[in-house]
PDB file of all heavy atoms in Angstrom:
ATOM      1  N   ARG A   1     125.417  45.579  61.041  1.00  0.00           N
ATOM      2  CA  ARG A   1     123.994  45.235  61.130  1.00  0.00           C
ATOM      3  C   ARG A   1     123.320  45.720  59.853  1.00  0.00           C
ATOM      4  O   ARG A   1     123.629  46.792  59.344  1.00  0.00           O
ATOM      5  CB  ARG A   1     123.363  45.899  62.342  1.00  0.00           C
ATOM      6  CG  ARG A   1     123.960  45.407  63.640  1.00  0.00           C
ATOM      7  CD  ARG A   1     123.243  45.975  64.830  1.00  0.00           C
ATOM      8  NE  ARG A   1     123.601  47.379  65.033  1.00  0.00           N
ATOM      9  CZ  ARG A   1     122.990  48.178  65.885  1.00  0.00           C
ATOM     10  NH1 ARG A   1     121.965  47.751  66.586  1.00  0.00           N
ATOM     11  NH2 ARG A   1     123.387  49.415  66.039  1.00  0.00           N
ATOM     12  N   ALA A   2     122.391  44.936  59.327  1.00  0.00           N
ATOM     13  CA  ALA A   2     121.735  45.271  58.060  1.00  0.00           C
ATOM     14  C   ALA A   2     121.053  46.640  58.119  1.00  0.00           C
ATOM     15  O   ALA A   2     121.129  47.423  57.177  1.00  0.00           O
ATOM     16  CB  ALA A   2     120.735  44.185  57.683  1.00  0.00           C
ATOM     17  N   GLY A   3     120.396  46.943  59.219  1.00  0.00           N
ATOM     18  CA  GLY A   3     119.716  48.235  59.348  1.00  0.00           C
ATOM     19  C   GLY A   3     120.673  49.413  59.366  1.00  0.00           C
ATOM     20  O   GLY A   3     120.381  50.477  58.814  1.00  0.00           O
ATOM     21  N   VAL A   4     121.826  49.238  59.980  1.00  0.00           N
ATOM     22  CA  VAL A   4     122.825  50.310  60.015  1.00  0.00           C
ATOM     23  C   VAL A   4     123.383  50.529  58.615  1.00  0.00           C
ATOM     24  O   VAL A   4     123.581  51.663  58.182  1.00  0.00           O
ATOM     25  CB  VAL A   4     123.951  49.982  61.024  1.00  0.00           C
ATOM     26  CG1 VAL A   4     125.078  50.989  60.944  1.00  0.00           C
ATOM     27  CG2 VAL A   4     123.381  49.921  62.438  1.00  0.00           C
ATOM     28  N   HIS A   5     123.641  49.448  57.892  1.00  0.00           N
ATOM     29  CA  HIS A   5     124.124  49.557  56.513  1.00  0.00           C
ATOM     30  C   HIS A   5     123.133  50.361  55.669  1.00  0.00           C
ATOM     31  O   HIS A   5     123.528  51.282  54.945  1.00  0.00           O
ATOM     32  CB  HIS A   5     124.331  48.157  55.923  1.00  0.00           C
ATOM     33  CG  HIS A   5     124.648  48.144  54.478  1.00  0.00           C
ATOM     34  ND1 HIS A   5     125.846  48.588  53.971  1.00  0.00           N
ATOM     35  CD2 HIS A   5     123.906  47.769  53.409  1.00  0.00           C
ATOM     36  CE1 HIS A   5     125.826  48.476  52.654  1.00  0.00           C
ATOM     37  NE2 HIS A   5     124.659  47.972  52.293  1.00  0.00           N
ATOM     38  N   LEU A   6     121.869  50.055  55.785  1.00  0.00           N
ATOM     39  CA  LEU A   6     120.841  50.772  55.029  1.00  0.00           C
ATOM     40  C   LEU A   6     120.765  52.237  55.455  1.00  0.00           C
ATOM     41  O   LEU A   6     120.670  53.143  54.616  1.00  0.00           O
ATOM     42  CB  LEU A   6     119.483  50.091  55.217  1.00  0.00           C
ATOM     43  CG  LEU A   6     118.315  50.698  54.461  1.00  0.00           C
ATOM     44  CD1 LEU A   6     118.570  50.671  52.963  1.00  0.00           C
ATOM     45  CD2 LEU A   6     117.037  49.968  54.804  1.00  0.00           C
ATOM     46  N   ALA A   7     120.840  52.502  56.744  1.00  0.00           N
ATOM     47  CA  ALA A   7     120.792  53.882  57.234  1.00  0.00           C
ATOM     48  C   ALA A   7     121.960  54.695  56.690  1.00  0.00           C
ATOM     49  O   ALA A   7     121.795  55.867  56.322  1.00  0.00           O
ATOM     50  CB  ALA A   7     120.797  53.895  58.762  1.00  0.00           C
ATOM     51  N   MET A   8     123.145  54.094  56.625  1.00  0.00           N
ATOM     52  CA  MET A   8     124.309  54.808  56.092  1.00  0.00           C
ATOM     53  C   MET A   8     124.131  55.114  54.607  1.00  0.00           C
ATOM     54  O   MET A   8     124.569  56.155  54.133  1.00  0.00           O
ATOM     55  CB  MET A   8     125.576  53.985  56.308  1.00  0.00           C
ATOM     56  CG  MET A   8     125.890  53.757  57.759  1.00  0.00           C
ATOM     57  SD  MET A   8     126.222  55.269  58.625  1.00  0.00           S
ATOM     58  CE  MET A   8     127.757  54.883  59.372  1.00  0.00           C
ATOM     59  N   LEU A   9     123.483  54.202  53.881  1.00  0.00           N
ATOM     60  CA  LEU A   9     123.218  54.465  52.464  1.00  0.00           C
ATOM     61  C   LEU A   9     122.236  55.622  52.287  1.00  0.00           C
ATOM     62  O   LEU A   9     122.320  56.377  51.324  1.00  0.00           O
ATOM     63  CB  LEU A   9     122.655  53.214  51.783  1.00  0.00           C
ATOM     64  CG  LEU A   9     123.682  52.181  51.353  1.00  0.00           C
ATOM     65  CD1 LEU A   9     122.982  50.921  50.843  1.00  0.00           C
ATOM     66  CD2 LEU A   9     124.593  52.736  50.284  1.00  0.00           C
ATOM     67  N   VAL A  10     121.310  55.770  53.207  1.00  0.00           N
ATOM     68  CA  VAL A  10     120.324  56.851  53.124  1.00  0.00           C
ATOM     69  C   VAL A  10     120.919  58.174  53.602  1.00  0.00           C
ATOM     70  O   VAL A  10     120.707  59.221  52.992  1.00  0.00           O
ATOM     71  CB  VAL A  10     119.059  56.493  53.948  1.00  0.00           C
ATOM     72  CG1 VAL A  10     118.124  57.675  54.062  1.00  0.00           C
ATOM     73  CG2 VAL A  10     118.346  55.297  53.328  1.00  0.00           C
ATOM     74  N   LEU A  11     121.681  58.134  54.683  1.00  0.00           N
ATOM     75  CA  LEU A  11     122.238  59.365  55.250  1.00  0.00           C
ATOM     76  C   LEU A  11     123.378  59.945  54.420  1.00  0.00           C
ATOM     77  O   LEU A  11     123.572  61.159  54.412  1.00  0.00           O
ATOM     78  CB  LEU A  11     122.713  59.119  56.683  1.00  0.00           C
ATOM     79  CG  LEU A  11     121.620  58.874  57.701  1.00  0.00           C
ATOM     80  CD1 LEU A  11     122.232  58.534  59.054  1.00  0.00           C
ATOM     81  CD2 LEU A  11     120.712  60.075  57.824  1.00  0.00           C
ATOM     82  N   GLY A  12     124.123  59.104  53.717  1.00  0.00           N
ATOM     83  CA  GLY A  12     125.253  59.576  52.919  1.00  0.00           C
ATOM     84  C   GLY A  12     124.883  60.674  51.935  1.00  0.00           C
ATOM     85  O   GLY A  12     125.505  61.753  51.939  1.00  0.00           O
ATOM     86  N   PRO A  13     123.874  60.467  51.089  1.00  0.00           N
ATOM     87  CA  PRO A  13     123.492  61.525  50.152  1.00  0.00           C
ATOM     88  C   PRO A  13     123.011  62.803  50.852  1.00  0.00           C
ATOM     89  O   PRO A  13     123.229  63.920  50.353  1.00  0.00           O
ATOM     90  CB  PRO A  13     122.351  60.893  49.337  1.00  0.00           C
ATOM     91  CG  PRO A  13     122.625  59.432  49.416  1.00  0.00           C
ATOM     92  CD  PRO A  13     123.191  59.208  50.784  1.00  0.00           C
ATOM     93  N   LEU A  14     122.380  62.661  52.008  1.00  0.00           N
ATOM     94  CA  LEU A  14     121.950  63.854  52.745  1.00  0.00           C
ATOM     95  C   LEU A  14     123.157  64.671  53.214  1.00  0.00           C
ATOM     96  O   LEU A  14     123.137  65.906  53.180  1.00  0.00           O
ATOM     97  CB  LEU A  14     121.073  63.462  53.929  1.00  0.00           C
ATOM     98  CG  LEU A  14     119.754  62.788  53.583  1.00  0.00           C
ATOM     99  CD1 LEU A  14     119.029  62.358  54.859  1.00  0.00           C
ATOM    100  CD2 LEU A  14     118.878  63.696  52.754  1.00  0.00           C
ATOM    101  N   VAL A  15     124.216  63.994  53.640  1.00  0.00           N
ATOM    102  CA  VAL A  15     125.435  64.684  54.060  1.00  0.00           C
ATOM    103  C   VAL A  15     126.102  65.346  52.852  1.00  0.00           C
ATOM    104  O   VAL A  15     126.637  66.454  52.960  1.00  0.00           O
ATOM    105  CB  VAL A  15     126.397  63.714  54.786  1.00  0.00           C
ATOM    106  CG1 VAL A  15     127.722  64.376  55.092  1.00  0.00           C
ATOM    107  CG2 VAL A  15     125.755  63.200  56.063  1.00  0.00           C
ATOM    108  N   VAL A  16     126.054  64.695  51.683  1.00  0.00           N
ATOM    109  CA  VAL A  16     126.598  65.302  50.468  1.00  0.00           C
ATOM    110  C   VAL A  16     125.841  66.593  50.154  1.00  0.00           C
ATOM    111  O   VAL A  16     126.450  67.629  49.861  1.00  0.00           O
ATOM    112  CB  VAL A  16     126.537  64.331  49.264  1.00  0.00           C
ATOM    113  CG1 VAL A  16     126.858  65.054  47.966  1.00  0.00           C
ATOM    114  CG2 VAL A  16     127.489  63.171  49.473  1.00  0.00           C
ATOM    115  N   VAL A  17     124.528  66.555  50.219  1.00  0.00           N
ATOM    116  CA  VAL A  17     123.719  67.758  49.956  1.00  0.00           C
ATOM    117  C   VAL A  17     124.059  68.862  50.951  1.00  0.00           C
ATOM    118  O   VAL A  17     124.234  70.024  50.572  1.00  0.00           O
ATOM    119  CB  VAL A  17     122.206  67.416  49.987  1.00  0.00           C
ATOM    120  CG1 VAL A  17     121.355  68.672  49.984  1.00  0.00           C
ATOM    121  CG2 VAL A  17     121.843  66.524  48.814  1.00  0.00           C
ATOM    122  N   LEU A  18     124.192  68.519  52.221  1.00  0.00           N
ATOM    123  CA  LEU A  18     124.567  69.506  53.228  1.00  0.00           C
ATOM    124  C   LEU A  18     125.922  70.119  52.895  1.00  0.00           C
ATOM    125  O   LEU A  18     126.097  71.344  52.974  1.00  0.00           O
ATOM    126  CB  LEU A  18     124.603  68.857  54.616  1.00  0.00           C
ATOM    127  CG  LEU A  18     125.086  69.750  55.759  1.00  0.00           C
ATOM    128  CD1 LEU A  18     124.119  70.905  55.975  1.00  0.00           C
ATOM    129  CD2 LEU A  18     125.253  68.935  57.031  1.00  0.00           C
ATOM    130  N   GLY A  19     126.882  69.301  52.510  1.00  0.00           N
ATOM    131  CA  GLY A  19     128.203  69.809  52.143  1.00  0.00           C
ATOM    132  C   GLY A  19     128.152  70.725  50.941  1.00  0.00           C
ATOM    133  O   GLY A  19     128.816  71.774  50.916  1.00  0.00           O
ATOM    134  N   VAL A  20     127.374  70.371  49.935  1.00  0.00           N
ATOM    135  CA  VAL A  20     127.243  71.208  48.734  1.00  0.00           C
ATOM    136  C   VAL A  20     126.617  72.555  49.104  1.00  0.00           C
ATOM    137  O   VAL A  20     127.050  73.614  48.617  1.00  0.00           O
ATOM    138  CB  VAL A  20     126.427  70.486  47.640  1.00  0.00           C
ATOM    139  CG1 VAL A  20     126.020  71.426  46.520  1.00  0.00           C
ATOM    140  CG2 VAL A  20     127.218  69.303  47.098  1.00  0.00           C
ATOM    141  N   ILE A  21     125.615  72.547  49.955  1.00  0.00           N
ATOM    142  CA  ILE A  21     124.993  73.802  50.405  1.00  0.00           C
ATOM    143  C   ILE A  21     126.017  74.660  51.136  1.00  0.00           C
ATOM    144  O   ILE A  21     126.090  75.883  50.917  1.00  0.00           O
ATOM    145  CB  ILE A  21     123.759  73.517  51.288  1.00  0.00           C
ATOM    146  CG1 ILE A  21     122.632  72.919  50.447  1.00  0.00           C
ATOM    147  CG2 ILE A  21     123.302  74.779  52.015  1.00  0.00           C
ATOM    148  CD1 ILE A  21     121.475  72.371  51.258  1.00  0.00           C
ATOM    149  N   MET A  22     126.828  74.056  51.982  1.00  0.00           N
ATOM    150  CA  MET A  22     127.846  74.818  52.714  1.00  0.00           C
ATOM    151  C   MET A  22     128.861  75.429  51.746  1.00  0.00           C
ATOM    152  O   MET A  22     129.259  76.587  51.905  1.00  0.00           O
ATOM    153  CB  MET A  22     128.544  73.920  53.729  1.00  0.00           C
ATOM    154  CG  MET A  22     127.654  73.515  54.885  1.00  0.00           C
ATOM    155  SD  MET A  22     128.447  72.341  55.990  1.00  0.00           S
ATOM    156  CE  MET A  22     129.635  73.415  56.788  1.00  0.00           C
ATOM    157  N   VAL A  23     129.284  74.656  50.748  1.00  0.00           N
ATOM    158  CA  VAL A  23     130.232  75.176  49.760  1.00  0.00           C
ATOM    159  C   VAL A  23     129.595  76.328  48.985  1.00  0.00           C
ATOM    160  O   VAL A  23     130.210  77.385  48.788  1.00  0.00           O
ATOM    161  CB  VAL A  23     130.707  74.060  48.794  1.00  0.00           C
ATOM    162  CG1 VAL A  23     131.465  74.637  47.611  1.00  0.00           C
ATOM    163  CG2 VAL A  23     131.562  73.043  49.545  1.00  0.00           C
ATOM    164  N   TYR A  24     128.364  76.146  48.554  1.00  0.00           N
ATOM    165  CA  TYR A  24     127.664  77.190  47.791  1.00  0.00           C
ATOM    166  C   TYR A  24     127.541  78.481  48.599  1.00  0.00           C
ATOM    167  O   TYR A  24     127.827  79.563  48.110  1.00  0.00           O
ATOM    168  CB  TYR A  24     126.286  76.695  47.349  1.00  0.00           C
ATOM    169  CG  TYR A  24     125.461  77.778  46.714  1.00  0.00           C
ATOM    170  CD1 TYR A  24     125.726  78.179  45.414  1.00  0.00           C
ATOM    171  CD2 TYR A  24     124.460  78.423  47.424  1.00  0.00           C
ATOM    172  CE1 TYR A  24     124.972  79.207  44.823  1.00  0.00           C
ATOM    173  CE2 TYR A  24     123.705  79.430  46.856  1.00  0.00           C
ATOM    174  CZ  TYR A  24     123.976  79.822  45.547  1.00  0.00           C
ATOM    175  OH  TYR A  24     123.258  80.835  44.984  1.00  0.00           O
TER     176      TYR A  24
END
């Protein structure tokens, strides 16, 4: 679904930031 595709594009970078914070 187009909306799910867009949501995944938005949430992906947030998960990357969360992972970087956890590593730090």
